[in-house]
Amino acid sequence: MHHPTPTYFSSGPHATVEQAMAALSDALELALEEDRACGMLPTVEHMSLDVQSEDSSVVLRHTAVALVLISYRRDPAGPPAD
């Protein structure tokens, strides 16, 4: 049995919640694509999301964060050919 690997993702600060969530989604998608390119088949087992908002004297900034439990197995076909 493979145990899920906890992985933390962050969007970095953005002007809107929507922009922060889109950046977080892009970061997660990129990480999963990189895993597949290495011949791994990732499965998201669980994901916990939160948006943190920080009000500075000038602007309100939003950061989306996620703790994702990902399990991996080797792709029997190996890494994709270029």
PDB file of N, CA and C in Angstrom:
ATOM      1  N   MET A   1       0.842  -1.182   0.000  1.00  0.00           N
ATOM      2  CA  MET A   1       0.000   0.000   0.000  1.00  0.00           C
ATOM      3  C   MET A   1       0.889   1.248   0.000  1.00  0.00           C
ATOM      4  N   HIS A   2       0.560   2.209  -0.833  1.00  0.00           N
ATOM      5  CA  HIS A   2       1.298   3.463  -0.913  1.00  0.00           C
ATOM      6  C   HIS A   2       0.648   4.492  -0.006  1.00  0.00           C
ATOM      7  N   HIS A   3       1.460   5.161   0.763  1.00  0.00           N
ATOM      8  CA  HIS A   3       0.943   6.202   1.645  1.00  0.00           C
ATOM      9  C   HIS A   3       0.975   7.532   0.907  1.00  0.00           C
ATOM     10  N   PRO A   4      -0.101   8.316   1.030  1.00  0.00           N
ATOM     11  CA  PRO A   4      -0.122   9.621   0.362  1.00  0.00           C
ATOM     12  C   PRO A   4       0.980  10.541   0.883  1.00  0.00           C
ATOM     13  N   THR A   5       1.481  11.373  -0.006  1.00  0.00           N
ATOM     14  CA  THR A   5       2.509  12.350   0.327  1.00  0.00           C
ATOM     15  C   THR A   5       1.849  13.706   0.522  1.00  0.00           C
ATOM     16  N   PRO A   6       2.008  14.322   1.710  1.00  0.00           N
ATOM     17  CA  PRO A   6       1.431  15.660   1.893  1.00  0.00           C
ATOM     18  C   PRO A   6       2.273  16.702   1.147  1.00  0.00           C
ATOM     19  N   THR A   7       1.592  17.556   0.409  1.00  0.00           N
ATOM     20  CA  THR A   7       2.264  18.589  -0.373  1.00  0.00           C
ATOM     21  C   THR A   7       1.523  19.900  -0.175  1.00  0.00           C
ATOM     22  N   TYR A   8       2.272  20.963   0.050  1.00  0.00           N
ATOM     23  CA  TYR A   8       1.704  22.278   0.304  1.00  0.00           C
ATOM     24  C   TYR A   8       1.840  23.139  -0.955  1.00  0.00           C
ATOM     25  N   PHE A   9       0.761  23.808  -1.322  1.00  0.00           N
ATOM     26  CA  PHE A   9       0.763  24.723  -2.462  1.00  0.00           C
ATOM     27  C   PHE A   9       0.272  26.088  -2.006  1.00  0.00           C
ATOM     28  N   SER A  10       0.791  27.134  -2.634  1.00  0.00           N
ATOM     29  CA  SER A  10       0.370  28.499  -2.337  1.00  0.00           C
ATOM     30  C   SER A  10       0.301  29.285  -3.642  1.00  0.00           C
ATOM     31  N   SER A  11      -0.678  30.155  -3.722  1.00  0.00           N
ATOM     32  CA  SER A  11      -0.841  30.981  -4.920  1.00  0.00           C
ATOM     33  C   SER A  11       0.054  32.202  -4.912  1.00  0.00           C
ATOM     34  N   GLY A  12       0.533  32.593  -3.739  1.00  0.00           N
ATOM     35  CA  GLY A  12       1.167  33.893  -3.602  1.00  0.00           C
ATOM     36  C   GLY A  12       0.071  34.954  -3.545  1.00  0.00           C
ATOM     37  N   PRO A  13       0.397  36.163  -3.169  1.00  0.00           N
ATOM     38  CA  PRO A  13      -0.628  37.202  -3.000  1.00  0.00           C
ATOM     39  C   PRO A  13      -1.204  37.688  -4.331  1.00  0.00           C
ATOM     40  N   HIS A  14      -2.524  37.891  -4.326  1.00  0.00           N
ATOM     41  CA  HIS A  14      -3.241  38.386  -5.512  1.00  0.00           C
ATOM     42  C   HIS A  14      -4.295  39.393  -5.085  1.00  0.00           C
ATOM     43  N   ALA A  15      -4.734  40.194  -6.051  1.00  0.00           N
ATOM     44  CA  ALA A  15      -5.691  41.267  -5.770  1.00  0.00           C
ATOM     45  C   ALA A  15      -7.096  40.749  -5.479  1.00  0.00           C
ATOM     46  N   THR A  16      -7.474  39.592  -6.070  1.00  0.00           N
ATOM     47  CA  THR A  16      -8.817  39.051  -5.836  1.00  0.00           C
ATOM     48  C   THR A  16      -8.724  37.584  -5.421  1.00  0.00           C
ATOM     49  N   VAL A  17      -9.770  37.098  -4.795  1.00  0.00           N
ATOM     50  CA  VAL A  17      -9.854  35.686  -4.421  1.00  0.00           C
ATOM     51  C   VAL A  17      -9.835  34.824  -5.684  1.00  0.00           C
ATOM     52  N   GLU A  18     -10.533  35.272  -6.718  1.00  0.00           N
ATOM     53  CA  GLU A  18     -10.587  34.507  -7.969  1.00  0.00           C
ATOM     54  C   GLU A  18      -9.191  34.349  -8.579  1.00  0.00           C
ATOM     55  N   GLN A  19      -8.396  35.421  -8.577  1.00  0.00           N
ATOM     56  CA  GLN A  19      -7.035  35.341  -9.117  1.00  0.00           C
ATOM     57  C   GLN A  19      -6.177  34.398  -8.271  1.00  0.00           C
ATOM     58  N   ALA A  20      -6.346  34.457  -6.958  1.00  0.00           N
ATOM     59  CA  ALA A  20      -5.578  33.582  -6.067  1.00  0.00           C
ATOM     60  C   ALA A  20      -5.939  32.121  -6.302  1.00  0.00           C
ATOM     61  N   MET A  21      -7.224  31.819  -6.441  1.00  0.00           N
ATOM     62  CA  MET A  21      -7.650  30.437  -6.674  1.00  0.00           C
ATOM     63  C   MET A  21      -7.171  29.939  -8.035  1.00  0.00           C
ATOM     64  N   ALA A  22      -7.194  30.800  -9.056  1.00  0.00           N
ATOM     65  CA  ALA A  22      -6.711  30.407 -10.387  1.00  0.00           C
ATOM     66  C   ALA A  22      -5.214  30.103 -10.346  1.00  0.00           C
ATOM     67  N   ALA A  23      -4.451  30.920  -9.638  1.00  0.00           N
ATOM     68  CA  ALA A  23      -3.005  30.696  -9.522  1.00  0.00           C
ATOM     69  C   ALA A  23      -2.716  29.393  -8.769  1.00  0.00           C
ATOM     70  N   LEU A  24      -3.493  29.120  -7.732  1.00  0.00           N
ATOM     71  CA  LEU A  24      -3.326  27.876  -6.979  1.00  0.00           C
ATOM     72  C   LEU A  24      -3.635  26.672  -7.873  1.00  0.00           C
ATOM     73  N   SER A  25      -4.698  26.755  -8.638  1.00  0.00           N
ATOM     74  CA  SER A  25      -5.069  25.689  -9.560  1.00  0.00           C
ATOM     75  C   SER A  25      -3.968  25.446 -10.593  1.00  0.00           C
ATOM     76  N   ASP A  26      -3.408  26.532 -11.127  1.00  0.00           N
ATOM     77  CA  ASP A  26      -2.315  26.412 -12.103  1.00  0.00           C
ATOM     78  C   ASP A  26      -1.094  25.735 -11.492  1.00  0.00           C
ATOM     79  N   ALA A  27      -0.762  26.089 -10.240  1.00  0.00           N
ATOM     80  CA  ALA A  27       0.404  25.501  -9.563  1.00  0.00           C
ATOM     81  C   ALA A  27       0.210  24.004  -9.348  1.00  0.00           C
ATOM     82  N   LEU A  28      -0.983  23.612  -8.928  1.00  0.00           N
ATOM     83  CA  LEU A  28      -1.265  22.198  -8.705  1.00  0.00           C
ATOM     84  C   LEU A  28      -1.235  21.429 -10.029  1.00  0.00           C
ATOM     85  N   GLU A  29      -1.849  21.988 -11.059  1.00  0.00           N
ATOM     86  CA  GLU A  29      -1.855  21.329 -12.367  1.00  0.00           C
ATOM     87  C   GLU A  29      -0.436  21.152 -12.909  1.00  0.00           C
ATOM     88  N   LEU A  30       0.395  22.168 -12.772  1.00  0.00           N
ATOM     89  CA  LEU A  30       1.778  22.083 -13.227  1.00  0.00           C
ATOM     90  C   LEU A  30       2.539  20.986 -12.483  1.00  0.00           C
ATOM     91  N   ALA A  31       2.361  20.915 -11.182  1.00  0.00           N
ATOM     92  CA  ALA A  31       3.047  19.895 -10.379  1.00  0.00           C
ATOM     93  C   ALA A  31       2.628  18.491 -10.808  1.00  0.00           C
ATOM     94  N   LEU A  32       1.339  18.294 -11.051  1.00  0.00           N
ATOM     95  CA  LEU A  32       0.861  16.974 -11.465  1.00  0.00           C
ATOM     96  C   LEU A  32       1.369  16.627 -12.865  1.00  0.00           C
ATOM     97  N   GLU A  33       1.433  17.611 -13.758  1.00  0.00           N
ATOM     98  CA  GLU A  33       1.982  17.377 -15.100  1.00  0.00           C
ATOM     99  C   GLU A  33       3.456  16.997 -15.025  1.00  0.00           C
ATOM    100  N   GLU A  34       4.214  17.647 -14.142  1.00  0.00           N
ATOM    101  CA  GLU A  34       5.628  17.325 -13.979  1.00  0.00           C
ATOM    102  C   GLU A  34       5.801  15.899 -13.463  1.00  0.00           C
ATOM    103  N   ASP A  35       4.928  15.487 -12.532  1.00  0.00           N
ATOM    104  CA  ASP A  35       4.982  14.113 -12.024  1.00  0.00           C
ATOM    105  C   ASP A  35       4.722  13.115 -13.143  1.00  0.00           C
ATOM    106  N   ARG A  36       3.716  13.388 -13.962  1.00  0.00           N
ATOM    107  CA  ARG A  36       3.394  12.481 -15.076  1.00  0.00           C
ATOM    108  C   ARG A  36       4.549  12.431 -16.078  1.00  0.00           C
ATOM    109  N   ALA A  37       5.204  13.563 -16.302  1.00  0.00           N
ATOM    110  CA  ALA A  37       6.335  13.602 -17.229  1.00  0.00           C
ATOM    111  C   ALA A  37       7.504  12.758 -16.730  1.00  0.00           C
ATOM    112  N   CYS A  38       7.560  12.530 -15.435  1.00  0.00           N
ATOM    113  CA  CYS A  38       8.625  11.703 -14.834  1.00  0.00           C
ATOM    114  C   CYS A  38       8.232  10.230 -14.752  1.00  0.00           C
ATOM    115  N   GLY A  39       7.074   9.886 -15.324  1.00  0.00           N
ATOM    116  CA  GLY A  39       6.650   8.494 -15.318  1.00  0.00           C
ATOM    117  C   GLY A  39       5.864   8.084 -14.098  1.00  0.00           C
ATOM    118  N   MET A  40       5.367   9.053 -13.342  1.00  0.00           N
ATOM    119  CA  MET A  40       4.552   8.770 -12.160  1.00  0.00           C
ATOM    120  C   MET A  40       3.092   9.076 -12.470  1.00  0.00           C
ATOM    121  N   LEU A  41       2.202   8.311 -11.862  1.00  0.00           N
ATOM    122  CA  LEU A  41       0.775   8.564 -11.998  1.00  0.00           C
ATOM    123  C   LEU A  41       0.250   9.061 -10.656  1.00  0.00           C
ATOM    124  N   PRO A  42       0.098  10.379 -10.499  1.00  0.00           N
ATOM    125  CA  PRO A  42      -0.360  10.923  -9.231  1.00  0.00           C
ATOM    126  C   PRO A  42      -1.889  10.842  -9.099  1.00  0.00           C
ATOM    127  N   THR A  43      -2.349  10.614  -7.879  1.00  0.00           N
ATOM    128  CA  THR A  43      -3.770  10.633  -7.561  1.00  0.00           C
ATOM    129  C   THR A  43      -3.958  11.542  -6.355  1.00  0.00           C
ATOM    130  N   VAL A  44      -4.807  12.547  -6.489  1.00  0.00           N
ATOM    131  CA  VAL A  44      -5.112  13.425  -5.365  1.00  0.00           C
ATOM    132  C   VAL A  44      -6.092  12.679  -4.472  1.00  0.00           C
ATOM    133  N   GLU A  45      -5.647  12.344  -3.267  1.00  0.00           N
ATOM    134  CA  GLU A  45      -6.465  11.603  -2.313  1.00  0.00           C
ATOM    135  C   GLU A  45      -7.342  12.535  -1.473  1.00  0.00           C
ATOM    136  N   HIS A  46      -6.804  13.689  -1.151  1.00  0.00           N
ATOM    137  CA  HIS A  46      -7.534  14.651  -0.322  1.00  0.00           C
ATOM    138  C   HIS A  46      -6.924  16.032  -0.530  1.00  0.00           C
ATOM    139  N   MET A  47      -7.766  17.054  -0.459  1.00  0.00           N
ATOM    140  CA  MET A  47      -7.276  18.419  -0.597  1.00  0.00           C
ATOM    141  C   MET A  47      -8.046  19.308   0.372  1.00  0.00           C
ATOM    142  N   SER A  48      -7.293  20.104   1.109  1.00  0.00           N
ATOM    143  CA  SER A  48      -7.869  21.077   2.031  1.00  0.00           C
ATOM    144  C   SER A  48      -7.457  22.466   1.552  1.00  0.00           C
ATOM    145  N   LEU A  49      -8.440  23.334   1.299  1.00  0.00           N
ATOM    146  CA  LEU A  49      -8.187  24.665   0.753  1.00  0.00           C
ATOM    147  C   LEU A  49      -8.541  25.753   1.757  1.00  0.00           C
ATOM    148  N   ASP A  50      -7.831  26.861   1.646  1.00  0.00           N
ATOM    149  CA  ASP A  50      -8.143  28.037   2.453  1.00  0.00           C
ATOM    150  C   ASP A  50      -7.669  29.271   1.688  1.00  0.00           C
ATOM    151  N   VAL A  51      -8.339  30.384   1.903  1.00  0.00           N
ATOM    152  CA  VAL A  51      -7.899  31.657   1.347  1.00  0.00           C
ATOM    153  C   VAL A  51      -7.628  32.586   2.520  1.00  0.00           C
ATOM    154  N   GLN A  52      -6.425  33.116   2.551  1.00  0.00           N
ATOM    155  CA  GLN A  52      -6.042  34.051   3.605  1.00  0.00           C
ATOM    156  C   GLN A  52      -6.004  35.443   3.010  1.00  0.00           C
ATOM    157  N   SER A  53      -6.657  36.376   3.689  1.00  0.00           N
ATOM    158  CA  SER A  53      -6.695  37.756   3.215  1.00  0.00           C
ATOM    159  C   SER A  53      -5.929  38.633   4.177  1.00  0.00           C
ATOM    160  N   GLU A  54      -5.102  39.506   3.606  1.00  0.00           N
ATOM    161  CA  GLU A  54      -4.281  40.410   4.409  1.00  0.00           C
ATOM    162  C   GLU A  54      -4.597  41.834   3.978  1.00  0.00           C
ATOM    163  N   ASP A  55      -4.990  42.633   4.942  1.00  0.00           N
ATOM    164  CA  ASP A  55      -5.355  44.017   4.659  1.00  0.00           C
ATOM    165  C   ASP A  55      -4.200  44.916   5.087  1.00  0.00           C
ATOM    166  N   SER A  56      -3.463  45.396   4.102  1.00  0.00           N
ATOM    167  CA  SER A  56      -2.397  46.352   4.416  1.00  0.00           C
ATOM    168  C   SER A  56      -3.010  47.745   4.350  1.00  0.00           C
ATOM    169  N   SER A  57      -2.233  48.733   4.631  1.00  0.00           N
ATOM    170  CA  SER A  57      -2.749  50.095   4.611  1.00  0.00           C
ATOM    171  C   SER A  57      -3.084  50.546   3.197  1.00  0.00           C
ATOM    172  N   VAL A  58      -2.559  49.834   2.198  1.00  0.00           N
ATOM    173  CA  VAL A  58      -2.739  50.257   0.811  1.00  0.00           C
ATOM    174  C   VAL A  58      -3.739  49.380   0.063  1.00  0.00           C
ATOM    175  N   VAL A  59      -3.637  48.050   0.247  1.00  0.00           N
ATOM    176  CA  VAL A  59      -4.415  47.146  -0.593  1.00  0.00           C
ATOM    177  C   VAL A  59      -4.742  45.861   0.158  1.00  0.00           C
ATOM    178  N   LEU A  60      -5.842  45.243  -0.210  1.00  0.00           N
ATOM    179  CA  LEU A  60      -6.226  43.939   0.325  1.00  0.00           C
ATOM    180  C   LEU A  60      -5.655  42.872  -0.602  1.00  0.00           C
ATOM    181  N   ARG A  61      -4.866  41.938  -0.055  1.00  0.00           N
ATOM    182  CA  ARG A  61      -4.240  40.870  -0.841  1.00  0.00           C
ATOM    183  C   ARG A  61      -4.778  39.528  -0.362  1.00  0.00           C
ATOM    184  N   HIS A  62      -4.982  38.609  -1.313  1.00  0.00           N
ATOM    185  CA  HIS A  62      -5.526  37.282  -1.017  1.00  0.00           C
ATOM    186  C   HIS A  62      -4.530  36.219  -1.458  1.00  0.00           C
ATOM    187  N   THR A  63      -4.324  35.229  -0.605  1.00  0.00           N
ATOM    188  CA  THR A  63      -3.448  34.109  -0.913  1.00  0.00           C
ATOM    189  C   THR A  63      -4.230  32.820  -0.704  1.00  0.00           C
ATOM    190  N   ALA A  64      -4.318  32.010  -1.744  1.00  0.00           N
ATOM    191  CA  ALA A  64      -4.960  30.700  -1.645  1.00  0.00           C
ATOM    192  C   ALA A  64      -3.885  29.678  -1.292  1.00  0.00           C
ATOM    193  N   VAL A  65      -4.193  28.824  -0.332  1.00  0.00           N
ATOM    194  CA  VAL A  65      -3.259  27.768   0.074  1.00  0.00           C
ATOM    195  C   VAL A  65      -3.994  26.432   0.065  1.00  0.00           C
ATOM    196  N   ALA A  66      -3.255  25.372  -0.163  1.00  0.00           N
ATOM    197  CA  ALA A  66      -3.840  24.030  -0.166  1.00  0.00           C
ATOM    198  C   ALA A  66      -2.842  23.040   0.407  1.00  0.00           C
ATOM    199  N   LEU A  67      -3.363  22.132   1.202  1.00  0.00           N
ATOM    200  CA  LEU A  67      -2.606  20.963   1.635  1.00  0.00           C
ATOM    201  C   LEU A  67      -3.217  19.793   0.866  1.00  0.00           C
ATOM    202  N   VAL A  68      -2.409  19.153   0.046  1.00  0.00           N
ATOM    203  CA  VAL A  68      -2.891  18.103  -0.850  1.00  0.00           C
ATOM    204  C   VAL A  68      -2.188  16.796  -0.499  1.00  0.00           C
ATOM    205  N   LEU A  69      -2.971  15.737  -0.324  1.00  0.00           N
ATOM    206  CA  LEU A  69      -2.403  14.405  -0.122  1.00  0.00           C
ATOM    207  C   LEU A  69      -2.428  13.697  -1.471  1.00  0.00           C
ATOM    208  N   ILE A  70      -1.242  13.379  -1.977  1.00  0.00           N
ATOM    209  CA  ILE A  70      -1.105  12.782  -3.305  1.00  0.00           C
ATOM    210  C   ILE A  70      -0.457  11.410  -3.167  1.00  0.00           C
ATOM    211  N   SER A  71      -1.081  10.406  -3.765  1.00  0.00           N
ATOM    212  CA  SER A  71      -0.441   9.090  -3.826  1.00  0.00           C
ATOM    213  C   SER A  71       0.104   8.905  -5.242  1.00  0.00           C
ATOM    214  N   TYR A  72       1.145   8.114  -5.344  1.00  0.00           N
ATOM    215  CA  TYR A  72       1.837   7.914  -6.620  1.00  0.00           C
ATOM    216  C   TYR A  72       1.977   6.434  -6.919  1.00  0.00           C
ATOM    217  N   ARG A  73       1.936   6.134  -8.195  1.00  0.00           N
ATOM    218  CA  ARG A  73       2.329   4.806  -8.661  1.00  0.00           C
ATOM    219  C   ARG A  73       3.075   5.003  -9.964  1.00  0.00           C
ATOM    220  N   ARG A  74       3.918   4.075 -10.287  1.00  0.00           N
ATOM    221  CA  ARG A  74       4.700   4.158 -11.527  1.00  0.00           C
ATOM    222  C   ARG A  74       3.799   3.871 -12.716  1.00  0.00           C
ATOM    223  N   ASP A  75       3.996   4.642 -13.767  1.00  0.00           N
ATOM    224  CA  ASP A  75       3.300   4.402 -15.023  1.00  0.00           C
ATOM    225  C   ASP A  75       3.968   3.200 -15.683  1.00  0.00           C
ATOM    226  N   PRO A  76       3.218   2.126 -15.920  1.00  0.00           N
ATOM    227  CA  PRO A  76       3.828   0.930 -16.534  1.00  0.00           C
ATOM    228  C   PRO A  76       4.460   1.221 -17.889  1.00  0.00           C
ATOM    229  N   ALA A  77       3.976   2.250 -18.579  1.00  0.00           N
ATOM    230  CA  ALA A  77       4.522   2.600 -19.877  1.00  0.00           C
ATOM    231  C   ALA A  77       5.787   3.446 -19.752  1.00  0.00           C
ATOM    232  N   GLY A  78       6.083   3.916 -18.539  1.00  0.00           N
ATOM    233  CA  GLY A  78       7.259   4.753 -18.323  1.00  0.00           C
ATOM    234  C   GLY A  78       6.970   6.192 -18.681  1.00  0.00           C
ATOM    235  N   PRO A  79       7.984   7.060 -18.616  1.00  0.00           N
ATOM    236  CA  PRO A  79       7.782   8.467 -18.944  1.00  0.00           C
ATOM    237  C   PRO A  79       7.396   8.629 -20.411  1.00  0.00           C
ATOM    238  N   PRO A  80       6.590   9.658 -20.725  1.00  0.00           N
ATOM    239  CA  PRO A  80       6.218   9.882 -22.123  1.00  0.00           C
ATOM    240  C   PRO A  80       7.432  10.225 -22.973  1.00  0.00           C
ATOM    241  N   ALA A  81       7.403   9.797 -24.215  1.00  0.00           N
ATOM    242  CA  ALA A  81       8.498  10.121 -25.142  1.00  0.00           C
ATOM    243  C   ALA A  81       8.341  11.553 -25.609  1.00  0.00           C
ATOM    244  N   ASP A  82       9.460  12.236 -25.860  1.00  0.00           N
ATOM    245  CA  ASP A  82       9.402  13.625 -26.328  1.00  0.00           C
ATOM    246  C   ASP A  82       9.108  13.696 -27.798  1.00  0.00           C
TER     247      ASP A  82
END
